Amino acid sequence: MIKWFNVKERNGVASLYSNNITLNTTAMYPLDFAYKVQVGMDEDKNVIIKPLTKDVVESGVLDECCLLNLETHKSFARISSTLLLKQIAEELGLALGKTPIQFETKWDSIENILIINTKGGQK
């Protein structure tokens, strides 16, 4: 039996600043199709990013206050919101600033979410 390796299954990196979340190329790859995103936190205090299509956003079933823009570039993507990062910092007991705290990310293809593993961040 042969085990084939999938290079796209490697972990990405999310950098948390006081005003944005920046995702590296690997972390942003599954979010390519996103029109907007929702950001939340699971029971383990991992940050969750859910990509949303334009159809879902325009359907009106989601609260507009919960929808955030995802700014994509060639080598990174960014979610900018000082208020969001303040809430995340409070929940996690972090002091976010101009120097990022980096966390590994993993794509959950079953739930269609990006998980930022907030255990063991690196400055």
N, C-alpha and C. Protein backbone atom coordinates (compact mmCIF):
# COMPACT_ATOMS: atom_id res chain seq x y z
N MET A 1 0.84 -1.18 0.00
CA MET A 1 0.00 0.00 0.00
C MET A 1 0.89 1.25 0.00
N ILE A 2 0.51 2.25 -0.76
CA ILE A 2 1.27 3.49 -0.87
C ILE A 2 0.51 4.61 -0.18
N LYS A 3 1.22 5.39 0.62
CA LYS A 3 0.64 6.58 1.23
C LYS A 3 1.13 7.76 0.41
N TRP A 4 0.20 8.46 -0.23
CA TRP A 4 0.56 9.63 -1.02
C TRP A 4 0.58 10.85 -0.14
N PHE A 5 1.57 11.68 -0.31
CA PHE A 5 1.70 12.89 0.49
C PHE A 5 1.02 14.05 -0.20
N ASN A 6 0.30 14.83 0.59
CA ASN A 6 -0.39 16.01 0.07
C ASN A 6 0.27 17.23 0.68
N VAL A 7 1.02 17.98 -0.13
CA VAL A 7 1.75 19.14 0.39
C VAL A 7 0.81 20.25 0.83
N LYS A 8 -0.42 20.25 0.38
CA LYS A 8 -1.37 21.29 0.77
C LYS A 8 -1.96 21.03 2.14
N GLU A 9 -1.67 19.89 2.76
CA GLU A 9 -2.19 19.58 4.08
C GLU A 9 -1.28 20.06 5.20
N ARG A 10 -0.22 20.74 4.86
CA ARG A 10 0.68 21.24 5.91
C ARG A 10 0.01 22.39 6.67
N ASN A 11 0.50 22.64 7.87
CA ASN A 11 -0.08 23.68 8.71
C ASN A 11 0.37 25.06 8.25
N GLY A 12 -0.53 26.02 8.37
CA GLY A 12 -0.22 27.40 8.05
C GLY A 12 0.10 28.17 9.32
N VAL A 13 0.26 29.49 9.16
CA VAL A 13 0.56 30.35 10.30
C VAL A 13 -0.35 31.57 10.27
N ALA A 14 -0.92 31.88 11.43
CA ALA A 14 -1.71 33.11 11.62
C ALA A 14 -0.94 33.99 12.59
N SER A 15 -0.77 35.25 12.21
CA SER A 15 -0.09 36.23 13.07
C SER A 15 -1.14 37.20 13.60
N LEU A 16 -1.22 37.30 14.92
CA LEU A 16 -2.19 38.19 15.54
C LEU A 16 -1.48 39.47 15.99
N TYR A 17 -1.97 40.59 15.49
CA TYR A 17 -1.50 41.92 15.87
C TYR A 17 -2.64 42.60 16.64
N SER A 18 -2.43 43.81 17.09
CA SER A 18 -3.48 44.52 17.82
C SER A 18 -4.64 44.94 16.93
N ASN A 19 -4.42 44.98 15.60
CA ASN A 19 -5.48 45.45 14.72
C ASN A 19 -5.80 44.51 13.56
N ASN A 20 -5.13 43.35 13.45
CA ASN A 20 -5.45 42.44 12.35
C ASN A 20 -4.95 41.03 12.62
N ILE A 21 -5.51 40.11 11.84
CA ILE A 21 -5.02 38.73 11.76
C ILE A 21 -4.44 38.59 10.37
N THR A 22 -3.18 38.21 10.28
CA THR A 22 -2.54 38.01 8.99
C THR A 22 -2.28 36.52 8.81
N LEU A 23 -2.71 35.98 7.68
CA LEU A 23 -2.55 34.56 7.37
C LEU A 23 -1.49 34.39 6.29
N ASN A 24 -0.58 33.43 6.48
CA ASN A 24 0.41 33.18 5.43
C ASN A 24 -0.23 32.43 4.27
N THR A 25 0.53 32.18 3.23
CA THR A 25 0.01 31.57 2.00
C THR A 25 -0.69 30.25 2.28
N THR A 26 -0.09 29.40 3.10
CA THR A 26 -0.68 28.09 3.39
C THR A 26 -2.01 28.24 4.11
N ALA A 27 -2.06 29.13 5.09
CA ALA A 27 -3.29 29.32 5.87
C ALA A 27 -4.41 29.93 5.03
N MET A 28 -4.05 30.81 4.08
CA MET A 28 -5.08 31.50 3.30
C MET A 28 -5.59 30.67 2.13
N TYR A 29 -4.86 29.64 1.74
CA TYR A 29 -5.21 28.84 0.56
C TYR A 29 -6.67 28.37 0.54
N PRO A 30 -7.21 27.79 1.63
CA PRO A 30 -8.60 27.32 1.58
C PRO A 30 -9.63 28.45 1.59
N LEU A 31 -9.20 29.67 1.87
CA LEU A 31 -10.13 30.79 1.94
C LEU A 31 -10.21 31.56 0.63
N ASP A 32 -9.57 31.05 -0.41
CA ASP A 32 -9.51 31.74 -1.70
C ASP A 32 -10.88 32.17 -2.24
N PHE A 33 -11.88 31.36 -2.04
CA PHE A 33 -13.20 31.63 -2.61
C PHE A 33 -14.05 32.55 -1.73
N ALA A 34 -13.57 32.88 -0.54
CA ALA A 34 -14.39 33.63 0.43
C ALA A 34 -14.71 35.03 -0.05
N TYR A 35 -15.96 35.39 0.08
CA TYR A 35 -16.42 36.75 -0.19
C TYR A 35 -16.27 37.58 1.08
N LYS A 36 -16.63 36.99 2.22
CA LYS A 36 -16.46 37.56 3.55
C LYS A 36 -16.16 36.39 4.48
N VAL A 37 -15.85 36.70 5.73
CA VAL A 37 -15.60 35.64 6.73
C VAL A 37 -16.32 35.97 8.03
N GLN A 38 -16.52 34.94 8.83
CA GLN A 38 -16.97 35.08 10.20
C GLN A 38 -15.82 34.59 11.07
N VAL A 39 -15.63 35.24 12.21
CA VAL A 39 -14.57 34.83 13.14
C VAL A 39 -15.22 34.56 14.48
N GLY A 40 -14.86 33.44 15.08
CA GLY A 40 -15.40 33.06 16.37
C GLY A 40 -14.37 32.30 17.18
N MET A 41 -14.82 31.69 18.27
CA MET A 41 -13.93 30.94 19.14
C MET A 41 -14.66 29.68 19.59
N ASP A 42 -13.94 28.55 19.57
CA ASP A 42 -14.56 27.31 20.02
C ASP A 42 -14.37 27.12 21.52
N GLU A 43 -14.86 26.00 22.05
CA GLU A 43 -14.80 25.75 23.49
C GLU A 43 -13.37 25.57 24.00
N ASP A 44 -12.42 25.27 23.10
CA ASP A 44 -11.01 25.13 23.48
C ASP A 44 -10.25 26.45 23.34
N LYS A 45 -10.98 27.52 23.06
CA LYS A 45 -10.43 28.87 22.87
C LYS A 45 -9.53 28.97 21.63
N ASN A 46 -9.80 28.12 20.63
CA ASN A 46 -9.15 28.27 19.33
C ASN A 46 -9.96 29.28 18.53
N VAL A 47 -9.28 30.11 17.77
CA VAL A 47 -9.97 31.07 16.92
C VAL A 47 -10.39 30.35 15.64
N ILE A 48 -11.64 30.55 15.24
CA ILE A 48 -12.21 29.88 14.08
C ILE A 48 -12.55 30.92 13.02
N ILE A 49 -12.12 30.65 11.78
CA ILE A 49 -12.46 31.52 10.65
C ILE A 49 -13.27 30.71 9.66
N LYS A 50 -14.48 31.18 9.39
CA LYS A 50 -15.38 30.49 8.45
C LYS A 50 -15.53 31.34 7.19
N PRO A 51 -15.12 30.80 6.04
CA PRO A 51 -15.30 31.53 4.78
C PRO A 51 -16.76 31.49 4.34
N LEU A 52 -17.21 32.60 3.77
CA LEU A 52 -18.60 32.70 3.31
C LEU A 52 -18.62 33.10 1.84
N THR A 53 -19.52 32.50 1.10
CA THR A 53 -19.68 32.85 -0.31
C THR A 53 -20.55 34.10 -0.43
N LYS A 54 -20.52 34.71 -1.59
CA LYS A 54 -21.33 35.90 -1.84
C LYS A 54 -22.81 35.57 -1.72
N ASP A 55 -23.22 34.39 -2.19
CA ASP A 55 -24.63 33.98 -2.12
C ASP A 55 -25.11 33.90 -0.66
N VAL A 56 -24.29 33.34 0.21
CA VAL A 56 -24.67 33.22 1.62
C VAL A 56 -24.76 34.61 2.25
N VAL A 57 -23.79 35.47 1.97
CA VAL A 57 -23.78 36.81 2.54
C VAL A 57 -25.00 37.61 2.08
N GLU A 58 -25.31 37.53 0.79
CA GLU A 58 -26.42 38.31 0.25
C GLU A 58 -27.79 37.71 0.55
N SER A 59 -27.82 36.49 1.09
CA SER A 59 -29.11 35.86 1.41
C SER A 59 -29.79 36.56 2.59
N GLY A 60 -29.01 37.26 3.40
CA GLY A 60 -29.58 37.98 4.53
C GLY A 60 -29.81 37.16 5.78
N VAL A 61 -29.40 35.89 5.79
CA VAL A 61 -29.63 35.04 6.95
C VAL A 61 -28.61 35.28 8.07
N LEU A 62 -27.51 35.95 7.76
CA LEU A 62 -26.47 36.21 8.75
C LEU A 62 -26.51 37.66 9.21
N ASP A 63 -26.19 37.90 10.45
CA ASP A 63 -26.11 39.25 11.00
C ASP A 63 -24.93 39.97 10.37
N GLU A 64 -25.18 41.12 9.75
CA GLU A 64 -24.13 41.89 9.08
C GLU A 64 -23.00 42.27 10.02
N CYS A 65 -23.28 42.43 11.30
CA CYS A 65 -22.25 42.80 12.28
C CYS A 65 -21.21 41.70 12.47
N CYS A 66 -21.54 40.49 12.07
CA CYS A 66 -20.63 39.35 12.24
C CYS A 66 -19.81 39.06 10.99
N LEU A 67 -19.99 39.84 9.94
CA LEU A 67 -19.29 39.59 8.68
C LEU A 67 -18.08 40.51 8.56
N LEU A 68 -16.95 39.93 8.21
CA LEU A 68 -15.71 40.68 8.10
C LEU A 68 -15.11 40.51 6.71
N ASN A 69 -14.41 41.53 6.27
CA ASN A 69 -13.71 41.47 4.98
C ASN A 69 -12.43 40.68 5.12
N LEU A 70 -12.09 39.95 4.07
CA LEU A 70 -10.83 39.24 3.97
C LEU A 70 -10.07 39.87 2.82
N GLU A 71 -9.01 40.56 3.15
CA GLU A 71 -8.18 41.23 2.14
C GLU A 71 -7.09 40.25 1.71
N THR A 72 -7.09 39.87 0.44
CA THR A 72 -6.12 38.89 -0.03
C THR A 72 -5.06 39.53 -0.91
N HIS A 73 -3.86 39.04 -0.76
CA HIS A 73 -2.71 39.45 -1.55
C HIS A 73 -2.04 38.19 -2.08
N LYS A 74 -1.01 38.34 -2.84
CA LYS A 74 -0.34 37.18 -3.43
C LYS A 74 0.22 36.23 -2.37
N SER A 75 0.80 36.78 -1.31
CA SER A 75 1.48 35.91 -0.34
C SER A 75 0.87 35.93 1.06
N PHE A 76 -0.25 36.63 1.24
CA PHE A 76 -0.89 36.64 2.56
C PHE A 76 -2.32 37.13 2.43
N ALA A 77 -3.09 36.91 3.50
CA ALA A 77 -4.45 37.45 3.60
C ALA A 77 -4.57 38.10 4.96
N ARG A 78 -5.49 39.07 5.05
CA ARG A 78 -5.59 39.82 6.30
C ARG A 78 -7.06 40.11 6.62
N ILE A 79 -7.39 39.97 7.91
CA ILE A 79 -8.68 40.38 8.46
C ILE A 79 -8.36 41.53 9.40
N SER A 80 -8.82 42.72 9.06
CA SER A 80 -8.50 43.91 9.87
C SER A 80 -9.70 44.34 10.69
N SER A 81 -9.52 44.38 12.00
CA SER A 81 -10.55 44.86 12.92
C SER A 81 -9.94 44.99 14.31
N THR A 82 -9.73 46.22 14.74
CA THR A 82 -9.19 46.46 16.07
C THR A 82 -10.12 45.92 17.14
N LEU A 83 -11.43 46.12 16.96
CA LEU A 83 -12.41 45.63 17.93
C LEU A 83 -12.37 44.10 18.04
N LEU A 84 -12.30 43.41 16.90
CA LEU A 84 -12.22 41.94 16.90
C LEU A 84 -10.98 41.49 17.66
N LEU A 85 -9.83 42.07 17.36
CA LEU A 85 -8.59 41.64 18.01
C LEU A 85 -8.58 41.98 19.49
N LYS A 86 -9.25 43.05 19.88
CA LYS A 86 -9.37 43.38 21.30
C LYS A 86 -10.17 42.29 22.01
N GLN A 87 -11.27 41.83 21.38
CA GLN A 87 -12.09 40.77 21.97
C GLN A 87 -11.31 39.46 22.06
N ILE A 88 -10.57 39.12 21.00
CA ILE A 88 -9.77 37.90 21.01
C ILE A 88 -8.70 37.98 22.11
N ALA A 89 -8.01 39.12 22.20
CA ALA A 89 -6.96 39.30 23.21
C ALA A 89 -7.52 39.14 24.62
N GLU A 90 -8.70 39.69 24.87
CA GLU A 90 -9.33 39.58 26.19
C GLU A 90 -9.68 38.12 26.50
N GLU A 91 -10.24 37.42 25.54
CA GLU A 91 -10.62 36.01 25.74
C GLU A 91 -9.41 35.14 26.03
N LEU A 92 -8.28 35.43 25.35
CA LEU A 92 -7.09 34.60 25.47
C LEU A 92 -6.09 35.12 26.50
N GLY A 93 -6.34 36.29 27.05
CA GLY A 93 -5.40 36.87 28.01
C GLY A 93 -4.08 37.26 27.36
N LEU A 94 -4.15 37.80 26.15
CA LEU A 94 -2.95 38.19 25.40
C LEU A 94 -2.80 39.70 25.38
N ALA A 95 -1.56 40.15 25.28
CA ALA A 95 -1.27 41.57 25.07
C ALA A 95 -0.80 41.71 23.62
N LEU A 96 -1.72 42.05 22.73
CA LEU A 96 -1.39 42.18 21.32
C LEU A 96 -0.89 43.58 21.03
N GLY A 97 0.08 43.68 20.13
CA GLY A 97 0.65 44.97 19.77
C GLY A 97 1.16 44.95 18.35
N LYS A 98 2.22 45.72 18.10
CA LYS A 98 2.81 45.81 16.75
C LYS A 98 3.64 44.58 16.40
N THR A 99 4.13 43.89 17.42
CA THR A 99 4.87 42.65 17.20
C THR A 99 3.86 41.49 17.26
N PRO A 100 3.81 40.66 16.22
CA PRO A 100 2.78 39.62 16.19
C PRO A 100 3.06 38.45 17.12
N ILE A 101 1.99 37.79 17.49
CA ILE A 101 2.08 36.49 18.14
C ILE A 101 1.58 35.49 17.10
N GLN A 102 2.41 34.49 16.80
CA GLN A 102 2.09 33.56 15.71
C GLN A 102 1.55 32.24 16.26
N PHE A 103 0.56 31.71 15.54
CA PHE A 103 -0.06 30.45 15.90
C PHE A 103 -0.19 29.59 14.65
N GLU A 104 -0.12 28.26 14.84
CA GLU A 104 -0.35 27.34 13.73
C GLU A 104 -1.83 27.31 13.38
N THR A 105 -2.09 27.08 12.09
CA THR A 105 -3.46 26.93 11.64
C THR A 105 -3.64 25.57 10.99
N LYS A 106 -4.87 25.12 10.95
CA LYS A 106 -5.20 23.87 10.28
C LYS A 106 -6.57 24.02 9.65
N TRP A 107 -6.71 23.56 8.42
CA TRP A 107 -7.98 23.60 7.72
C TRP A 107 -8.78 22.35 8.04
N ASP A 108 -10.03 22.52 8.45
CA ASP A 108 -10.95 21.42 8.70
C ASP A 108 -11.90 21.36 7.51
N SER A 109 -11.65 20.43 6.60
CA SER A 109 -12.45 20.36 5.37
C SER A 109 -13.86 19.82 5.61
N ILE A 110 -14.08 19.13 6.72
CA ILE A 110 -15.41 18.62 7.03
C ILE A 110 -16.31 19.76 7.49
N GLU A 111 -15.80 20.60 8.40
CA GLU A 111 -16.58 21.74 8.92
C GLU A 111 -16.43 22.99 8.06
N ASN A 112 -15.49 22.96 7.12
CA ASN A 112 -15.23 24.10 6.23
C ASN A 112 -14.81 25.34 7.03
N ILE A 113 -13.83 25.14 7.94
CA ILE A 113 -13.34 26.23 8.78
C ILE A 113 -11.82 26.16 8.90
N LEU A 114 -11.22 27.33 9.13
CA LEU A 114 -9.81 27.41 9.45
C LEU A 114 -9.68 27.55 10.95
N ILE A 115 -8.88 26.69 11.57
CA ILE A 115 -8.71 26.69 13.02
C ILE A 115 -7.34 27.28 13.34
N ILE A 116 -7.33 28.33 14.15
CA ILE A 116 -6.08 28.89 14.65
C ILE A 116 -5.88 28.30 16.03
N ASN A 117 -4.89 27.43 16.15
CA ASN A 117 -4.60 26.74 17.40
C ASN A 117 -3.91 27.72 18.34
N THR A 118 -4.63 28.22 19.33
CA THR A 118 -4.11 29.28 20.19
C THR A 118 -3.24 28.78 21.34
N LYS A 119 -2.98 27.49 21.38
CA LYS A 119 -2.09 26.94 22.41
C LYS A 119 -0.66 27.08 21.88
N GLY A 120 0.21 27.69 22.66
CA GLY A 120 1.63 27.73 22.31
C GLY A 120 2.02 28.74 21.25
N GLY A 121 1.47 29.93 21.28
CA GLY A 121 1.85 30.96 20.32
C GLY A 121 3.30 31.38 20.49
N GLN A 122 3.88 31.91 19.40
CA GLN A 122 5.28 32.33 19.41
C GLN A 122 5.38 33.80 19.08
N LYS A 123 6.19 34.51 19.84
CA LYS A 123 6.44 35.92 19.53
C LYS A 123 7.63 36.03 18.61
